[in-house]
């Protein structure tokens, strides 16, 4: 099993920047990719950003050019950090951390991010 712990502020202002962190522990040595997805009620979950264990990144269309994801692994723990700039109310969503090994996807508890204008 992989345990995910998310951290970061939830209430942001228009034009501001967001930083979310996610720490994976447990069987973190088996994780091949981690990242963030977000979901708004009534809409499908969408990709924000992912990073592989070889530091290959992928970004969702809505955050291209505004998001940066980085990864650090030490002491049997992997931490990924998402930085998102130029926030607008359209970035309001529940952001969920995700970790994948070859068989399973693991999810964090979700962080509500609200951007006020």
PDB file of N, CA and C in Angstrom:
ATOM      1  N   UNK A   1       0.830  -1.201   0.000  1.00  0.00           N
ATOM      2  CA  UNK A   1       0.000   0.000   0.000  1.00  0.00           C
ATOM      3  C   UNK A   1       0.868   1.257   0.000  1.00  0.00           C
ATOM      4  N   UNK A   2       0.334   2.290  -0.593  1.00  0.00           N
ATOM      5  CA  UNK A   2       0.995   3.585  -0.617  1.00  0.00           C
ATOM      6  C   UNK A   2       0.082   4.571   0.100  1.00  0.00           C
ATOM      7  N   UNK A   3       0.635   5.298   1.033  1.00  0.00           N
ATOM      8  CA  UNK A   3      -0.127   6.329   1.736  1.00  0.00           C
ATOM      9  C   UNK A   3       0.257   7.695   1.184  1.00  0.00           C
ATOM     10  N   UNK A   4      -0.757   8.522   0.972  1.00  0.00           N
ATOM     11  CA  UNK A   4      -0.560   9.859   0.414  1.00  0.00           C
ATOM     12  C   UNK A   4      -1.061  10.899   1.400  1.00  0.00           C
ATOM     13  N   UNK A   5      -0.236  11.889   1.646  1.00  0.00           N
ATOM     14  CA  UNK A   5      -0.631  12.990   2.526  1.00  0.00           C
ATOM     15  C   UNK A   5      -0.465  14.291   1.757  1.00  0.00           C
ATOM     16  N   UNK A   6      -1.568  15.014   1.610  1.00  0.00           N
ATOM     17  CA  UNK A   6      -1.571  16.260   0.865  1.00  0.00           C
ATOM     18  C   UNK A   6      -1.445  17.445   1.821  1.00  0.00           C
ATOM     19  N   UNK A   7      -0.875  18.524   1.313  1.00  0.00           N
ATOM     20  CA  UNK A   7      -0.824  19.756   2.089  1.00  0.00           C
ATOM     21  C   UNK A   7      -0.828  20.939   1.140  1.00  0.00           C
ATOM     22  N   UNK A   8      -1.344  22.052   1.637  1.00  0.00           N
ATOM     23  CA  UNK A   8      -1.408  23.266   0.835  1.00  0.00           C
ATOM     24  C   UNK A   8      -2.603  24.107   1.228  1.00  0.00           C
ATOM     25  N   UNK A   9      -2.541  25.368   0.898  1.00  0.00           N
ATOM     26  CA  UNK A   9      -3.628  26.289   1.213  1.00  0.00           C
ATOM     27  C   UNK A   9      -4.802  26.091   0.285  1.00  0.00           C
ATOM     28  N   UNK A  10      -6.003  26.372   0.798  1.00  0.00           N
ATOM     29  CA  UNK A  10      -7.186  26.136   0.005  1.00  0.00           C
ATOM     30  C   UNK A  10      -7.860  27.373  -0.530  1.00  0.00           C
ATOM     31  N   UNK A  11      -7.700  28.526   0.111  1.00  0.00           N
ATOM     32  CA  UNK A  11      -8.382  29.744  -0.317  1.00  0.00           C
ATOM     33  C   UNK A  11      -7.368  30.680  -0.936  1.00  0.00           C
ATOM     34  N   UNK A  12      -7.568  30.959  -2.216  1.00  0.00           N
ATOM     35  CA  UNK A  12      -6.591  31.738  -2.969  1.00  0.00           C
ATOM     36  C   UNK A  12      -7.280  32.923  -3.624  1.00  0.00           C
ATOM     37  N   UNK A  13      -6.464  33.899  -4.025  1.00  0.00           N
ATOM     38  CA  UNK A  13      -6.998  35.082  -4.685  1.00  0.00           C
ATOM     39  C   UNK A  13      -6.711  35.050  -6.174  1.00  0.00           C
ATOM     40  N   UNK A  14      -7.568  35.706  -6.921  1.00  0.00           N
ATOM     41  CA  UNK A  14      -7.404  35.829  -8.362  1.00  0.00           C
ATOM     42  C   UNK A  14      -6.009  36.368  -8.668  1.00  0.00           C
ATOM     43  N   UNK A  15      -5.341  35.696  -9.598  1.00  0.00           N
ATOM     44  CA  UNK A  15      -4.009  36.130  -9.994  1.00  0.00           C
ATOM     45  C   UNK A  15      -2.895  35.618  -9.104  1.00  0.00           C
ATOM     46  N   UNK A  16      -3.242  34.946  -8.045  1.00  0.00           N
ATOM     47  CA  UNK A  16      -2.238  34.456  -7.114  1.00  0.00           C
ATOM     48  C   UNK A  16      -1.619  33.147  -7.564  1.00  0.00           C
ATOM     49  N   UNK A  17      -0.828  32.578  -6.677  1.00  0.00           N
ATOM     50  CA  UNK A  17      -0.132  31.328  -6.960  1.00  0.00           C
ATOM     51  C   UNK A  17      -0.482  30.298  -5.898  1.00  0.00           C
ATOM     52  N   UNK A  18      -0.537  29.069  -6.334  1.00  0.00           N
ATOM     53  CA  UNK A  18      -0.905  27.945  -5.470  1.00  0.00           C
ATOM     54  C   UNK A  18       0.249  26.971  -5.404  1.00  0.00           C
ATOM     55  N   UNK A  19       0.500  26.453  -4.212  1.00  0.00           N
ATOM     56  CA  UNK A  19       1.470  25.375  -4.064  1.00  0.00           C
ATOM     57  C   UNK A  19       0.820  24.244  -3.278  1.00  0.00           C
ATOM     58  N   UNK A  20       0.792  23.089  -3.874  1.00  0.00           N
ATOM     59  CA  UNK A  20       0.285  21.886  -3.220  1.00  0.00           C
ATOM     60  C   UNK A  20       1.396  20.838  -3.159  1.00  0.00           C
ATOM     61  N   UNK A  21       1.494  20.173  -2.016  1.00  0.00           N
ATOM     62  CA  UNK A  21       2.487  19.113  -1.849  1.00  0.00           C
ATOM     63  C   UNK A  21       1.785  17.802  -1.558  1.00  0.00           C
ATOM     64  N   UNK A  22       2.416  16.734  -1.971  1.00  0.00           N
ATOM     65  CA  UNK A  22       1.887  15.403  -1.697  1.00  0.00           C
ATOM     66  C   UNK A  22       3.058  14.493  -1.368  1.00  0.00           C
ATOM     67  N   UNK A  23       2.987  13.859  -0.215  1.00  0.00           N
ATOM     68  CA  UNK A  23       4.037  12.956   0.217  1.00  0.00           C
ATOM     69  C   UNK A  23       3.536  11.522   0.176  1.00  0.00           C
ATOM     70  N   UNK A  24       4.283  10.662  -0.490  1.00  0.00           N
ATOM     71  CA  UNK A  24       3.946   9.240  -0.583  1.00  0.00           C
ATOM     72  C   UNK A  24       4.881   8.438   0.296  1.00  0.00           C
ATOM     73  N   UNK A  25       4.303   7.570   1.093  1.00  0.00           N
ATOM     74  CA  UNK A  25       5.094   6.688   1.939  1.00  0.00           C
ATOM     75  C   UNK A  25       4.514   5.285   1.864  1.00  0.00           C
ATOM     76  N   UNK A  26       5.122   4.378   2.584  1.00  0.00           N
ATOM     77  CA  UNK A  26       4.701   2.987   2.491  1.00  0.00           C
ATOM     78  C   UNK A  26       5.500   2.312   1.393  1.00  0.00           C
ATOM     79  N   UNK A  27       4.814   1.751   0.421  1.00  0.00           N
ATOM     80  CA  UNK A  27       5.500   1.094  -0.691  1.00  0.00           C
ATOM     81  C   UNK A  27       5.845   2.101  -1.782  1.00  0.00           C
ATOM     82  N   UNK A  28       6.392   3.228  -1.355  1.00  0.00           N
ATOM     83  CA  UNK A  28       6.672   4.293  -2.323  1.00  0.00           C
ATOM     84  C   UNK A  28       7.717   3.884  -3.347  1.00  0.00           C
ATOM     85  N   UNK A  29       8.527   2.858  -3.018  1.00  0.00           N
ATOM     86  CA  UNK A  29       9.546   2.413  -3.970  1.00  0.00           C
ATOM     87  C   UNK A  29       8.918   1.828  -5.233  1.00  0.00           C
ATOM     88  N   UNK A  30       7.640   1.442  -5.148  1.00  0.00           N
ATOM     89  CA  UNK A  30       6.955   0.854  -6.294  1.00  0.00           C
ATOM     90  C   UNK A  30       6.267   1.887  -7.179  1.00  0.00           C
ATOM     91  N   UNK A  31       6.247   3.140  -6.731  1.00  0.00           N
ATOM     92  CA  UNK A  31       5.527   4.182  -7.466  1.00  0.00           C
ATOM     93  C   UNK A  31       6.291   4.558  -8.726  1.00  0.00           C
ATOM     94  N   UNK A  32       5.572   4.595  -9.847  1.00  0.00           N
ATOM     95  CA  UNK A  32       6.201   4.966 -11.117  1.00  0.00           C
ATOM     96  C   UNK A  32       5.775   6.353 -11.586  1.00  0.00           C
ATOM     97  N   UNK A  33       4.635   6.834 -11.050  1.00  0.00           N
ATOM     98  CA  UNK A  33       4.170   8.166 -11.443  1.00  0.00           C
ATOM     99  C   UNK A  33       3.328   8.752 -10.320  1.00  0.00           C
ATOM    100  N   UNK A  34       3.463  10.034 -10.134  1.00  0.00           N
ATOM    101  CA  UNK A  34       2.629  10.771  -9.171  1.00  0.00           C
ATOM    102  C   UNK A  34       2.158  12.047  -9.817  1.00  0.00           C
ATOM    103  N   UNK A  35       1.094  12.577  -9.270  1.00  0.00           N
ATOM    104  CA  UNK A  35       0.628  13.844  -9.827  1.00  0.00           C
ATOM    105  C   UNK A  35      -0.636  14.331  -9.166  1.00  0.00           C
ATOM    106  N   UNK A  36      -1.241  15.290  -9.835  1.00  0.00           N
ATOM    107  CA  UNK A  36      -2.448  15.932  -9.332  1.00  0.00           C
ATOM    108  C   UNK A  36      -3.529  15.943 -10.406  1.00  0.00           C
ATOM    109  N   UNK A  37      -4.718  15.657  -9.948  1.00  0.00           N
ATOM    110  CA  UNK A  37      -5.910  15.780 -10.773  1.00  0.00           C
ATOM    111  C   UNK A  37      -6.883  16.688 -10.029  1.00  0.00           C
ATOM    112  N   UNK A  38      -7.847  17.226 -10.741  1.00  0.00           N
ATOM    113  CA  UNK A  38      -8.840  18.076 -10.073  1.00  0.00           C
ATOM    114  C   UNK A  38     -10.229  17.783 -10.623  1.00  0.00           C
ATOM    115  N   UNK A  39     -11.211  18.085  -9.800  1.00  0.00           N
ATOM    116  CA  UNK A  39     -12.585  17.804 -10.195  1.00  0.00           C
ATOM    117  C   UNK A  39     -13.515  18.866  -9.644  1.00  0.00           C
ATOM    118  N   UNK A  40     -14.440  19.262 -10.493  1.00  0.00           N
ATOM    119  CA  UNK A  40     -15.506  20.190 -10.132  1.00  0.00           C
ATOM    120  C   UNK A  40     -16.808  19.405 -10.152  1.00  0.00           C
ATOM    121  N   UNK A  41     -17.705  19.639  -9.206  1.00  0.00           N
ATOM    122  CA  UNK A  41     -18.973  18.898  -9.197  1.00  0.00           C
ATOM    123  C   UNK A  41     -19.677  18.968 -10.544  1.00  0.00           C
ATOM    124  N   UNK A  42     -20.101  17.820 -11.032  1.00  0.00           N
ATOM    125  CA  UNK A  42     -20.801  17.758 -12.299  1.00  0.00           C
ATOM    126  C   UNK A  42     -19.907  17.640 -13.509  1.00  0.00           C
ATOM    127  N   UNK A  43     -18.597  17.666 -13.301  1.00  0.00           N
ATOM    128  CA  UNK A  43     -17.659  17.555 -14.411  1.00  0.00           C
ATOM    129  C   UNK A  43     -16.722  16.381 -14.177  1.00  0.00           C
ATOM    130  N   UNK A  44     -16.103  15.936 -15.255  1.00  0.00           N
ATOM    131  CA  UNK A  44     -15.148  14.832 -15.134  1.00  0.00           C
ATOM    132  C   UNK A  44     -13.863  15.303 -14.475  1.00  0.00           C
ATOM    133  N   UNK A  45     -13.212  14.361 -13.828  1.00  0.00           N
ATOM    134  CA  UNK A  45     -11.903  14.645 -13.264  1.00  0.00           C
ATOM    135  C   UNK A  45     -10.948  14.972 -14.401  1.00  0.00           C
ATOM    136  N   UNK A  46     -10.105  15.964 -14.197  1.00  0.00           N
ATOM    137  CA  UNK A  46      -9.161  16.325 -15.249  1.00  0.00           C
ATOM    138  C   UNK A  46      -7.727  16.337 -14.719  1.00  0.00           C
ATOM    139  N   UNK A  47      -6.838  16.076 -15.633  1.00  0.00           N
ATOM    140  CA  UNK A  47      -5.422  16.078 -15.319  1.00  0.00           C
ATOM    141  C   UNK A  47      -4.947  17.500 -15.047  1.00  0.00           C
ATOM    142  N   UNK A  48      -4.173  17.651 -13.980  1.00  0.00           N
ATOM    143  CA  UNK A  48      -3.459  18.905 -13.746  1.00  0.00           C
ATOM    144  C   UNK A  48      -1.999  18.707 -14.168  1.00  0.00           C
ATOM    145  N   UNK A  49      -1.313  17.781 -13.504  1.00  0.00           N
ATOM    146  CA  UNK A  49       0.084  17.517 -13.850  1.00  0.00           C
ATOM    147  C   UNK A  49       0.515  16.189 -13.246  1.00  0.00           C
ATOM    148  N   UNK A  50       1.381  15.489 -13.953  1.00  0.00           N
ATOM    149  CA  UNK A  50       1.989  14.278 -13.420  1.00  0.00           C
ATOM    150  C   UNK A  50       3.481  14.289 -13.689  1.00  0.00           C
ATOM    151  N   UNK A  51       4.191  13.488 -12.912  1.00  0.00           N
ATOM    152  CA  UNK A  51       5.632  13.343 -13.101  1.00  0.00           C
ATOM    153  C   UNK A  51       6.001  11.894 -12.831  1.00  0.00           C
ATOM    154  N   UNK A  52       6.832  11.322 -13.682  1.00  0.00           N
ATOM    155  CA  UNK A  52       7.229   9.928 -13.507  1.00  0.00           C
ATOM    156  C   UNK A  52       8.478   9.824 -12.647  1.00  0.00           C
ATOM    157  N   UNK A  53       8.840   8.587 -12.345  1.00  0.00           N
ATOM    158  CA  UNK A  53      10.054   8.377 -11.548  1.00  0.00           C
ATOM    159  C   UNK A  53      11.310   8.663 -12.346  1.00  0.00           C
ATOM    160  N   UNK A  54      11.138   8.980 -13.615  1.00  0.00           N
ATOM    161  CA  UNK A  54      12.256   9.444 -14.434  1.00  0.00           C
ATOM    162  C   UNK A  54      12.117  10.922 -14.770  1.00  0.00           C
ATOM    163  N   UNK A  55      11.253  11.606 -13.976  1.00  0.00           N
ATOM    164  CA  UNK A  55      11.058  13.055 -14.093  1.00  0.00           C
ATOM    165  C   UNK A  55      10.458  13.482 -15.431  1.00  0.00           C
ATOM    166  N   UNK A  56       9.708  12.600 -16.050  1.00  0.00           N
ATOM    167  CA  UNK A  56       8.974  12.984 -17.256  1.00  0.00           C
ATOM    168  C   UNK A  56       7.661  13.594 -16.803  1.00  0.00           C
ATOM    169  N   UNK A  57       7.352  14.778 -17.297  1.00  0.00           N
ATOM    170  CA  UNK A  57       6.161  15.502 -16.848  1.00  0.00           C
ATOM    171  C   UNK A  57       5.096  15.571 -17.929  1.00  0.00           C
ATOM    172  N   UNK A  58       3.865  15.718 -17.464  1.00  0.00           N
ATOM    173  CA  UNK A  58       2.732  15.909 -18.355  1.00  0.00           C
ATOM    174  C   UNK A  58       1.804  16.912 -17.695  1.00  0.00           C
ATOM    175  N   UNK A  59       1.252  17.843 -18.493  1.00  0.00           N
ATOM    176  CA  UNK A  59       0.374  18.882 -17.958  1.00  0.00           C
ATOM    177  C   UNK A  59      -0.952  18.892 -18.683  1.00  0.00           C
ATOM    178  N   UNK A  60      -1.996  19.212 -17.944  1.00  0.00           N
ATOM    179  CA  UNK A  60      -3.307  19.340 -18.555  1.00  0.00           C
ATOM    180  C   UNK A  60      -3.393  20.606 -19.385  1.00  0.00           C
ATOM    181  N   UNK A  61      -4.290  20.592 -20.352  1.00  0.00           N
ATOM    182  CA  UNK A  61      -4.418  21.735 -21.257  1.00  0.00           C
ATOM    183  C   UNK A  61      -4.756  23.018 -20.513  1.00  0.00           C
ATOM    184  N   UNK A  62      -5.573  22.915 -19.484  1.00  0.00           N
ATOM    185  CA  UNK A  62      -6.041  24.112 -18.784  1.00  0.00           C
ATOM    186  C   UNK A  62      -4.949  24.799 -17.975  1.00  0.00           C
ATOM    187  N   UNK A  63      -3.868  24.097 -17.720  1.00  0.00           N
ATOM    188  CA  UNK A  63      -2.805  24.682 -16.878  1.00  0.00           C
ATOM    189  C   UNK A  63      -1.487  24.810 -17.619  1.00  0.00           C
ATOM    190  N   UNK A  64      -1.461  24.476 -18.905  1.00  0.00           N
ATOM    191  CA  UNK A  64      -0.225  24.580 -19.687  1.00  0.00           C
ATOM    192  C   UNK A  64       0.354  25.980 -19.562  1.00  0.00           C
ATOM    193  N   UNK A  65       1.636  26.041 -19.243  1.00  0.00           N
ATOM    194  CA  UNK A  65       2.315  27.321 -19.111  1.00  0.00           C
ATOM    195  C   UNK A  65       2.149  27.969 -17.752  1.00  0.00           C
ATOM    196  N   UNK A  66       1.264  27.426 -16.934  1.00  0.00           N
ATOM    197  CA  UNK A  66       1.049  28.008 -15.596  1.00  0.00           C
ATOM    198  C   UNK A  66       1.446  27.056 -14.477  1.00  0.00           C
ATOM    199  N   UNK A  67       1.632  25.801 -14.797  1.00  0.00           N
ATOM    200  CA  UNK A  67       1.891  24.789 -13.771  1.00  0.00           C
ATOM    201  C   UNK A  67       3.300  24.232 -13.899  1.00  0.00           C
ATOM    202  N   UNK A  68       3.857  23.906 -12.741  1.00  0.00           N
ATOM    203  CA  UNK A  68       5.138  23.221 -12.677  1.00  0.00           C
ATOM    204  C   UNK A  68       5.031  22.147 -11.618  1.00  0.00           C
ATOM    205  N   UNK A  69       5.437  20.937 -11.956  1.00  0.00           N
ATOM    206  CA  UNK A  69       5.432  19.856 -10.995  1.00  0.00           C
ATOM    207  C   UNK A  69       6.866  19.361 -10.828  1.00  0.00           C
ATOM    208  N   UNK A  70       7.259  19.155  -9.593  1.00  0.00           N
ATOM    209  CA  UNK A  70       8.595  18.658  -9.295  1.00  0.00           C
ATOM    210  C   UNK A  70       8.483  17.487  -8.330  1.00  0.00           C
ATOM    211  N   UNK A  71       9.553  16.734  -8.266  1.00  0.00           N
ATOM    212  CA  UNK A  71       9.548  15.500  -7.482  1.00  0.00           C
ATOM    213  C   UNK A  71      10.854  15.379  -6.709  1.00  0.00           C
ATOM    214  N   UNK A  72      10.734  14.896  -5.469  1.00  0.00           N
ATOM    215  CA  UNK A  72      11.913  14.651  -4.656  1.00  0.00           C
ATOM    216  C   UNK A  72      11.716  13.328  -3.928  1.00  0.00           C
ATOM    217  N   UNK A  73      12.733  12.508  -3.926  1.00  0.00           N
ATOM    218  CA  UNK A  73      12.620  11.240  -3.211  1.00  0.00           C
ATOM    219  C   UNK A  73      13.788  11.106  -2.255  1.00  0.00           C
ATOM    220  N   UNK A  74      13.460  10.793  -1.005  1.00  0.00           N
ATOM    221  CA  UNK A  74      14.491  10.624   0.010  1.00  0.00           C
ATOM    222  C   UNK A  74      13.896   9.862   1.182  1.00  0.00           C
ATOM    223  N   UNK A  75      14.709   9.029   1.786  1.00  0.00           N
ATOM    224  CA  UNK A  75      14.306   8.308   2.999  1.00  0.00           C
ATOM    225  C   UNK A  75      12.990   7.554   2.796  1.00  0.00           C
ATOM    226  N   UNK A  76      12.880   6.829   1.700  1.00  0.00           N
ATOM    227  CA  UNK A  76      11.709   6.006   1.421  1.00  0.00           C
ATOM    228  C   UNK A  76      10.424   6.819   1.301  1.00  0.00           C
ATOM    229  N   UNK A  77      10.520   8.078   0.987  1.00  0.00           N
ATOM    230  CA  UNK A  77       9.342   8.914   0.795  1.00  0.00           C
ATOM    231  C   UNK A  77       9.526   9.719  -0.488  1.00  0.00           C
ATOM    232  N   UNK A  78       8.436   9.839  -1.231  1.00  0.00           N
ATOM    233  CA  UNK A  78       8.452  10.664  -2.436  1.00  0.00           C
ATOM    234  C   UNK A  78       7.540  11.846  -2.199  1.00  0.00           C
ATOM    235  N   UNK A  79       8.027  13.023  -2.517  1.00  0.00           N
ATOM    236  CA  UNK A  79       7.221  14.238  -2.393  1.00  0.00           C
ATOM    237  C   UNK A  79       7.142  14.916  -3.749  1.00  0.00           C
ATOM    238  N   UNK A  80       5.920  15.208  -4.164  1.00  0.00           N
ATOM    239  CA  UNK A  80       5.737  15.989  -5.380  1.00  0.00           C
ATOM    240  C   UNK A  80       5.118  17.318  -5.003  1.00  0.00           C
ATOM    241  N   UNK A  81       5.549  18.346  -5.686  1.00  0.00           N
ATOM    242  CA  UNK A  81       5.065  19.702  -5.422  1.00  0.00           C
ATOM    243  C   UNK A  81       4.502  20.272  -6.713  1.00  0.00           C
ATOM    244  N   UNK A  82       3.298  20.775  -6.615  1.00  0.00           N
ATOM    245  CA  UNK A  82       2.644  21.432  -7.743  1.00  0.00           C
ATOM    246  C   UNK A  82       2.605  22.924  -7.481  1.00  0.00           C
ATOM    247  N   UNK A  83       3.136  23.697  -8.392  1.00  0.00           N
ATOM    248  CA  UNK A  83       3.022  25.156  -8.361  1.00  0.00           C
ATOM    249  C   UNK A  83       2.150  25.584  -9.526  1.00  0.00           C
ATOM    250  N   UNK A  84       1.133  26.367  -9.212  1.00  0.00           N
ATOM    251  CA  UNK A  84       0.200  26.832 -10.236  1.00  0.00           C
ATOM    252  C   UNK A  84       0.057  28.342 -10.097  1.00  0.00           C
ATOM    253  N   UNK A  85       0.364  29.067 -11.155  1.00  0.00           N
ATOM    254  CA  UNK A  85       0.324  30.521 -11.118  1.00  0.00           C
ATOM    255  C   UNK A  85      -0.854  31.052 -11.933  1.00  0.00           C
ATOM    256  N   UNK A  86      -1.049  32.362 -11.856  1.00  0.00           N
ATOM    257  CA  UNK A  86      -2.109  32.991 -12.629  1.00  0.00           C
ATOM    258  C   UNK A  86      -3.482  32.424 -12.340  1.00  0.00           C
ATOM    259  N   UNK A  87      -3.791  32.249 -11.067  1.00  0.00           N
ATOM    260  CA  UNK A  87      -5.052  31.609 -10.686  1.00  0.00           C
ATOM    261  C   UNK A  87      -6.265  32.429 -11.111  1.00  0.00           C
ATOM    262  N   UNK A  88      -7.279  31.719 -11.548  1.00  0.00           N
ATOM    263  CA  UNK A  88      -8.574  32.317 -11.862  1.00  0.00           C
ATOM    264  C   UNK A  88      -9.648  31.482 -11.164  1.00  0.00           C
ATOM    265  N   UNK A  89     -10.879  31.999 -11.089  1.00  0.00           N
ATOM    266  CA  UNK A  89     -11.947  31.190 -10.488  1.00  0.00           C
ATOM    267  C   UNK A  89     -12.146  29.843 -11.182  1.00  0.00           C
ATOM    268  N   UNK A  90     -11.734  29.722 -12.433  1.00  0.00           N
ATOM    269  CA  UNK A  90     -11.854  28.446 -13.140  1.00  0.00           C
ATOM    270  C   UNK A  90     -10.922  27.383 -12.570  1.00  0.00           C
ATOM    271  N   UNK A  91      -9.966  27.787 -11.754  1.00  0.00           N
ATOM    272  CA  UNK A  91      -9.091  26.816 -11.099  1.00  0.00           C
ATOM    273  C   UNK A  91      -9.700  26.279  -9.806  1.00  0.00           C
ATOM    274  N   UNK A  92     -10.844  26.785  -9.426  1.00  0.00           N
ATOM    275  CA  UNK A  92     -11.529  26.286  -8.236  1.00  0.00           C
ATOM    276  C   UNK A  92     -11.958  24.845  -8.461  1.00  0.00           C
ATOM    277  N   UNK A  93     -11.541  23.965  -7.554  1.00  0.00           N
ATOM    278  CA  UNK A  93     -11.833  22.533  -7.697  1.00  0.00           C
ATOM    279  C   UNK A  93     -11.310  21.787  -6.469  1.00  0.00           C
ATOM    280  N   UNK A  94     -11.646  20.525  -6.393  1.00  0.00           N
ATOM    281  CA  UNK A  94     -10.993  19.637  -5.428  1.00  0.00           C
ATOM    282  C   UNK A  94      -9.782  19.033  -6.133  1.00  0.00           C
ATOM    283  N   UNK A  95      -8.633  19.260  -5.576  1.00  0.00           N
ATOM    284  CA  UNK A  95      -7.388  18.752  -6.140  1.00  0.00           C
ATOM    285  C   UNK A  95      -7.000  17.478  -5.387  1.00  0.00           C
ATOM    286  N   UNK A  96      -6.756  16.420  -6.128  1.00  0.00           N
ATOM    287  CA  UNK A  96      -6.424  15.127  -5.522  1.00  0.00           C
ATOM    288  C   UNK A  96      -5.051  14.663  -5.996  1.00  0.00           C
ATOM    289  N   UNK A  97      -4.269  14.249  -5.036  1.00  0.00           N
ATOM    290  CA  UNK A  97      -2.973  13.656  -5.349  1.00  0.00           C
ATOM    291  C   UNK A  97      -3.170  12.210  -5.781  1.00  0.00           C
ATOM    292  N   UNK A  98      -2.363  11.780  -6.720  1.00  0.00           N
ATOM    293  CA  UNK A  98      -2.460  10.421  -7.246  1.00  0.00           C
ATOM    294  C   UNK A  98      -1.067   9.809  -7.325  1.00  0.00           C
ATOM    295  N   UNK A  99      -0.981   8.543  -7.005  1.00  0.00           N
ATOM    296  CA  UNK A  99       0.261   7.796  -7.174  1.00  0.00           C
ATOM    297  C   UNK A  99      -0.073   6.473  -7.846  1.00  0.00           C
ATOM    298  N   UNK A 100       0.782   6.051  -8.755  1.00  0.00           N
ATOM    299  CA  UNK A 100       0.544   4.814  -9.475  1.00  0.00           C
ATOM    300  C   UNK A 100       1.753   3.897  -9.386  1.00  0.00           C
ATOM    301  N   UNK A 101       1.474   2.601  -9.138  1.00  0.00           N
ATOM    302  CA  UNK A 101       2.497   1.612  -9.413  1.00  0.00           C
ATOM    303  C   UNK A 101       2.021   0.859 -10.647  1.00  0.00           C
ATOM    304  N   UNK A 102       2.560  -0.310 -10.931  1.00  0.00           N
ATOM    305  CA  UNK A 102       2.203  -0.998 -12.164  1.00  0.00           C
ATOM    306  C   UNK A 102       0.815  -1.616 -12.123  1.00  0.00           C
ATOM    307  N   UNK A 103       0.226  -1.679 -10.934  1.00  0.00           N
ATOM    308  CA  UNK A 103      -1.062  -2.362 -10.812  1.00  0.00           C
ATOM    309  C   UNK A 103      -2.180  -1.470 -10.292  1.00  0.00           C
ATOM    310  N   UNK A 104      -1.839  -0.495  -9.489  1.00  0.00           N
ATOM    311  CA  UNK A 104      -2.856   0.197  -8.688  1.00  0.00           C
ATOM    312  C   UNK A 104      -2.669   1.699  -8.739  1.00  0.00           C
ATOM    313  N   UNK A 105      -3.799   2.407  -8.637  1.00  0.00           N
ATOM    314  CA  UNK A 105      -3.768   3.847  -8.450  1.00  0.00           C
ATOM    315  C   UNK A 105      -4.187   4.159  -7.015  1.00  0.00           C
ATOM    316  N   UNK A 106      -3.457   5.028  -6.391  1.00  0.00           N
ATOM    317  CA  UNK A 106      -3.756   5.452  -5.034  1.00  0.00           C
ATOM    318  C   UNK A 106      -4.131   6.927  -5.060  1.00  0.00           C
ATOM    319  N   UNK A 107      -5.058   7.297  -4.176  1.00  0.00           N
ATOM    320  CA  UNK A 107      -5.533   8.674  -4.163  1.00  0.00           C
ATOM    321  C   UNK A 107      -5.427   9.287  -2.777  1.00  0.00           C
ATOM    322  N   UNK A 108      -5.109  10.576  -2.766  1.00  0.00           N
ATOM    323  CA  UNK A 108      -5.127  11.319  -1.522  1.00  0.00           C
ATOM    324  C   UNK A 108      -6.546  11.688  -1.138  1.00  0.00           C
ATOM    325  N   UNK A 109      -6.659  12.392  -0.027  1.00  0.00           N
ATOM    326  CA  UNK A 109      -7.983  12.697   0.508  1.00  0.00           C
ATOM    327  C   UNK A 109      -8.664  13.841  -0.226  1.00  0.00           C
ATOM    328  N   UNK A 110      -7.914  14.605  -0.997  1.00  0.00           N
ATOM    329  CA  UNK A 110      -8.479  15.727  -1.745  1.00  0.00           C
ATOM    330  C   UNK A 110      -8.341  17.030  -0.980  1.00  0.00           C
ATOM    331  N   UNK A 111      -8.019  18.073  -1.689  1.00  0.00           N
ATOM    332  CA  UNK A 111      -7.861  19.408  -1.112  1.00  0.00           C
ATOM    333  C   UNK A 111      -8.753  20.378  -1.884  1.00  0.00           C
ATOM    334  N   UNK A 112      -9.673  21.013  -1.188  1.00  0.00           N
ATOM    335  CA  UNK A 112     -10.527  21.994  -1.838  1.00  0.00           C
ATOM    336  C   UNK A 112      -9.734  23.276  -2.050  1.00  0.00           C
ATOM    337  N   UNK A 113      -9.658  23.703  -3.305  1.00  0.00           N
ATOM    338  CA  UNK A 113      -9.011  24.972  -3.638  1.00  0.00           C
ATOM    339  C   UNK A 113     -10.082  25.898  -4.194  1.00  0.00           C
ATOM    340  N   UNK A 114     -10.207  27.050  -3.596  1.00  0.00           N
ATOM    341  CA  UNK A 114     -11.183  28.042  -4.039  1.00  0.00           C
ATOM    342  C   UNK A 114     -10.452  29.326  -4.380  1.00  0.00           C
ATOM    343  N   UNK A 115     -10.684  29.803  -5.584  1.00  0.00           N
ATOM    344  CA  UNK A 115     -10.059  31.046  -6.041  1.00  0.00           C
ATOM    345  C   UNK A 115     -11.128  32.119  -6.082  1.00  0.00           C
ATOM    346  N   UNK A 116     -10.915  33.176  -5.326  1.00  0.00           N
ATOM    347  CA  UNK A 116     -11.885  34.273  -5.262  1.00  0.00           C
ATOM    348  C   UNK A 116     -11.429  35.414  -6.152  1.00  0.00           C
ATOM    349  N   UNK A 117     -12.403  36.060  -6.762  1.00  0.00           N
ATOM    350  CA  UNK A 117     -12.069  37.171  -7.666  1.00  0.00           C
ATOM    351  C   UNK A 117     -12.094  38.497  -6.928  1.00  0.00           C
TER     352      UNK A 117
END
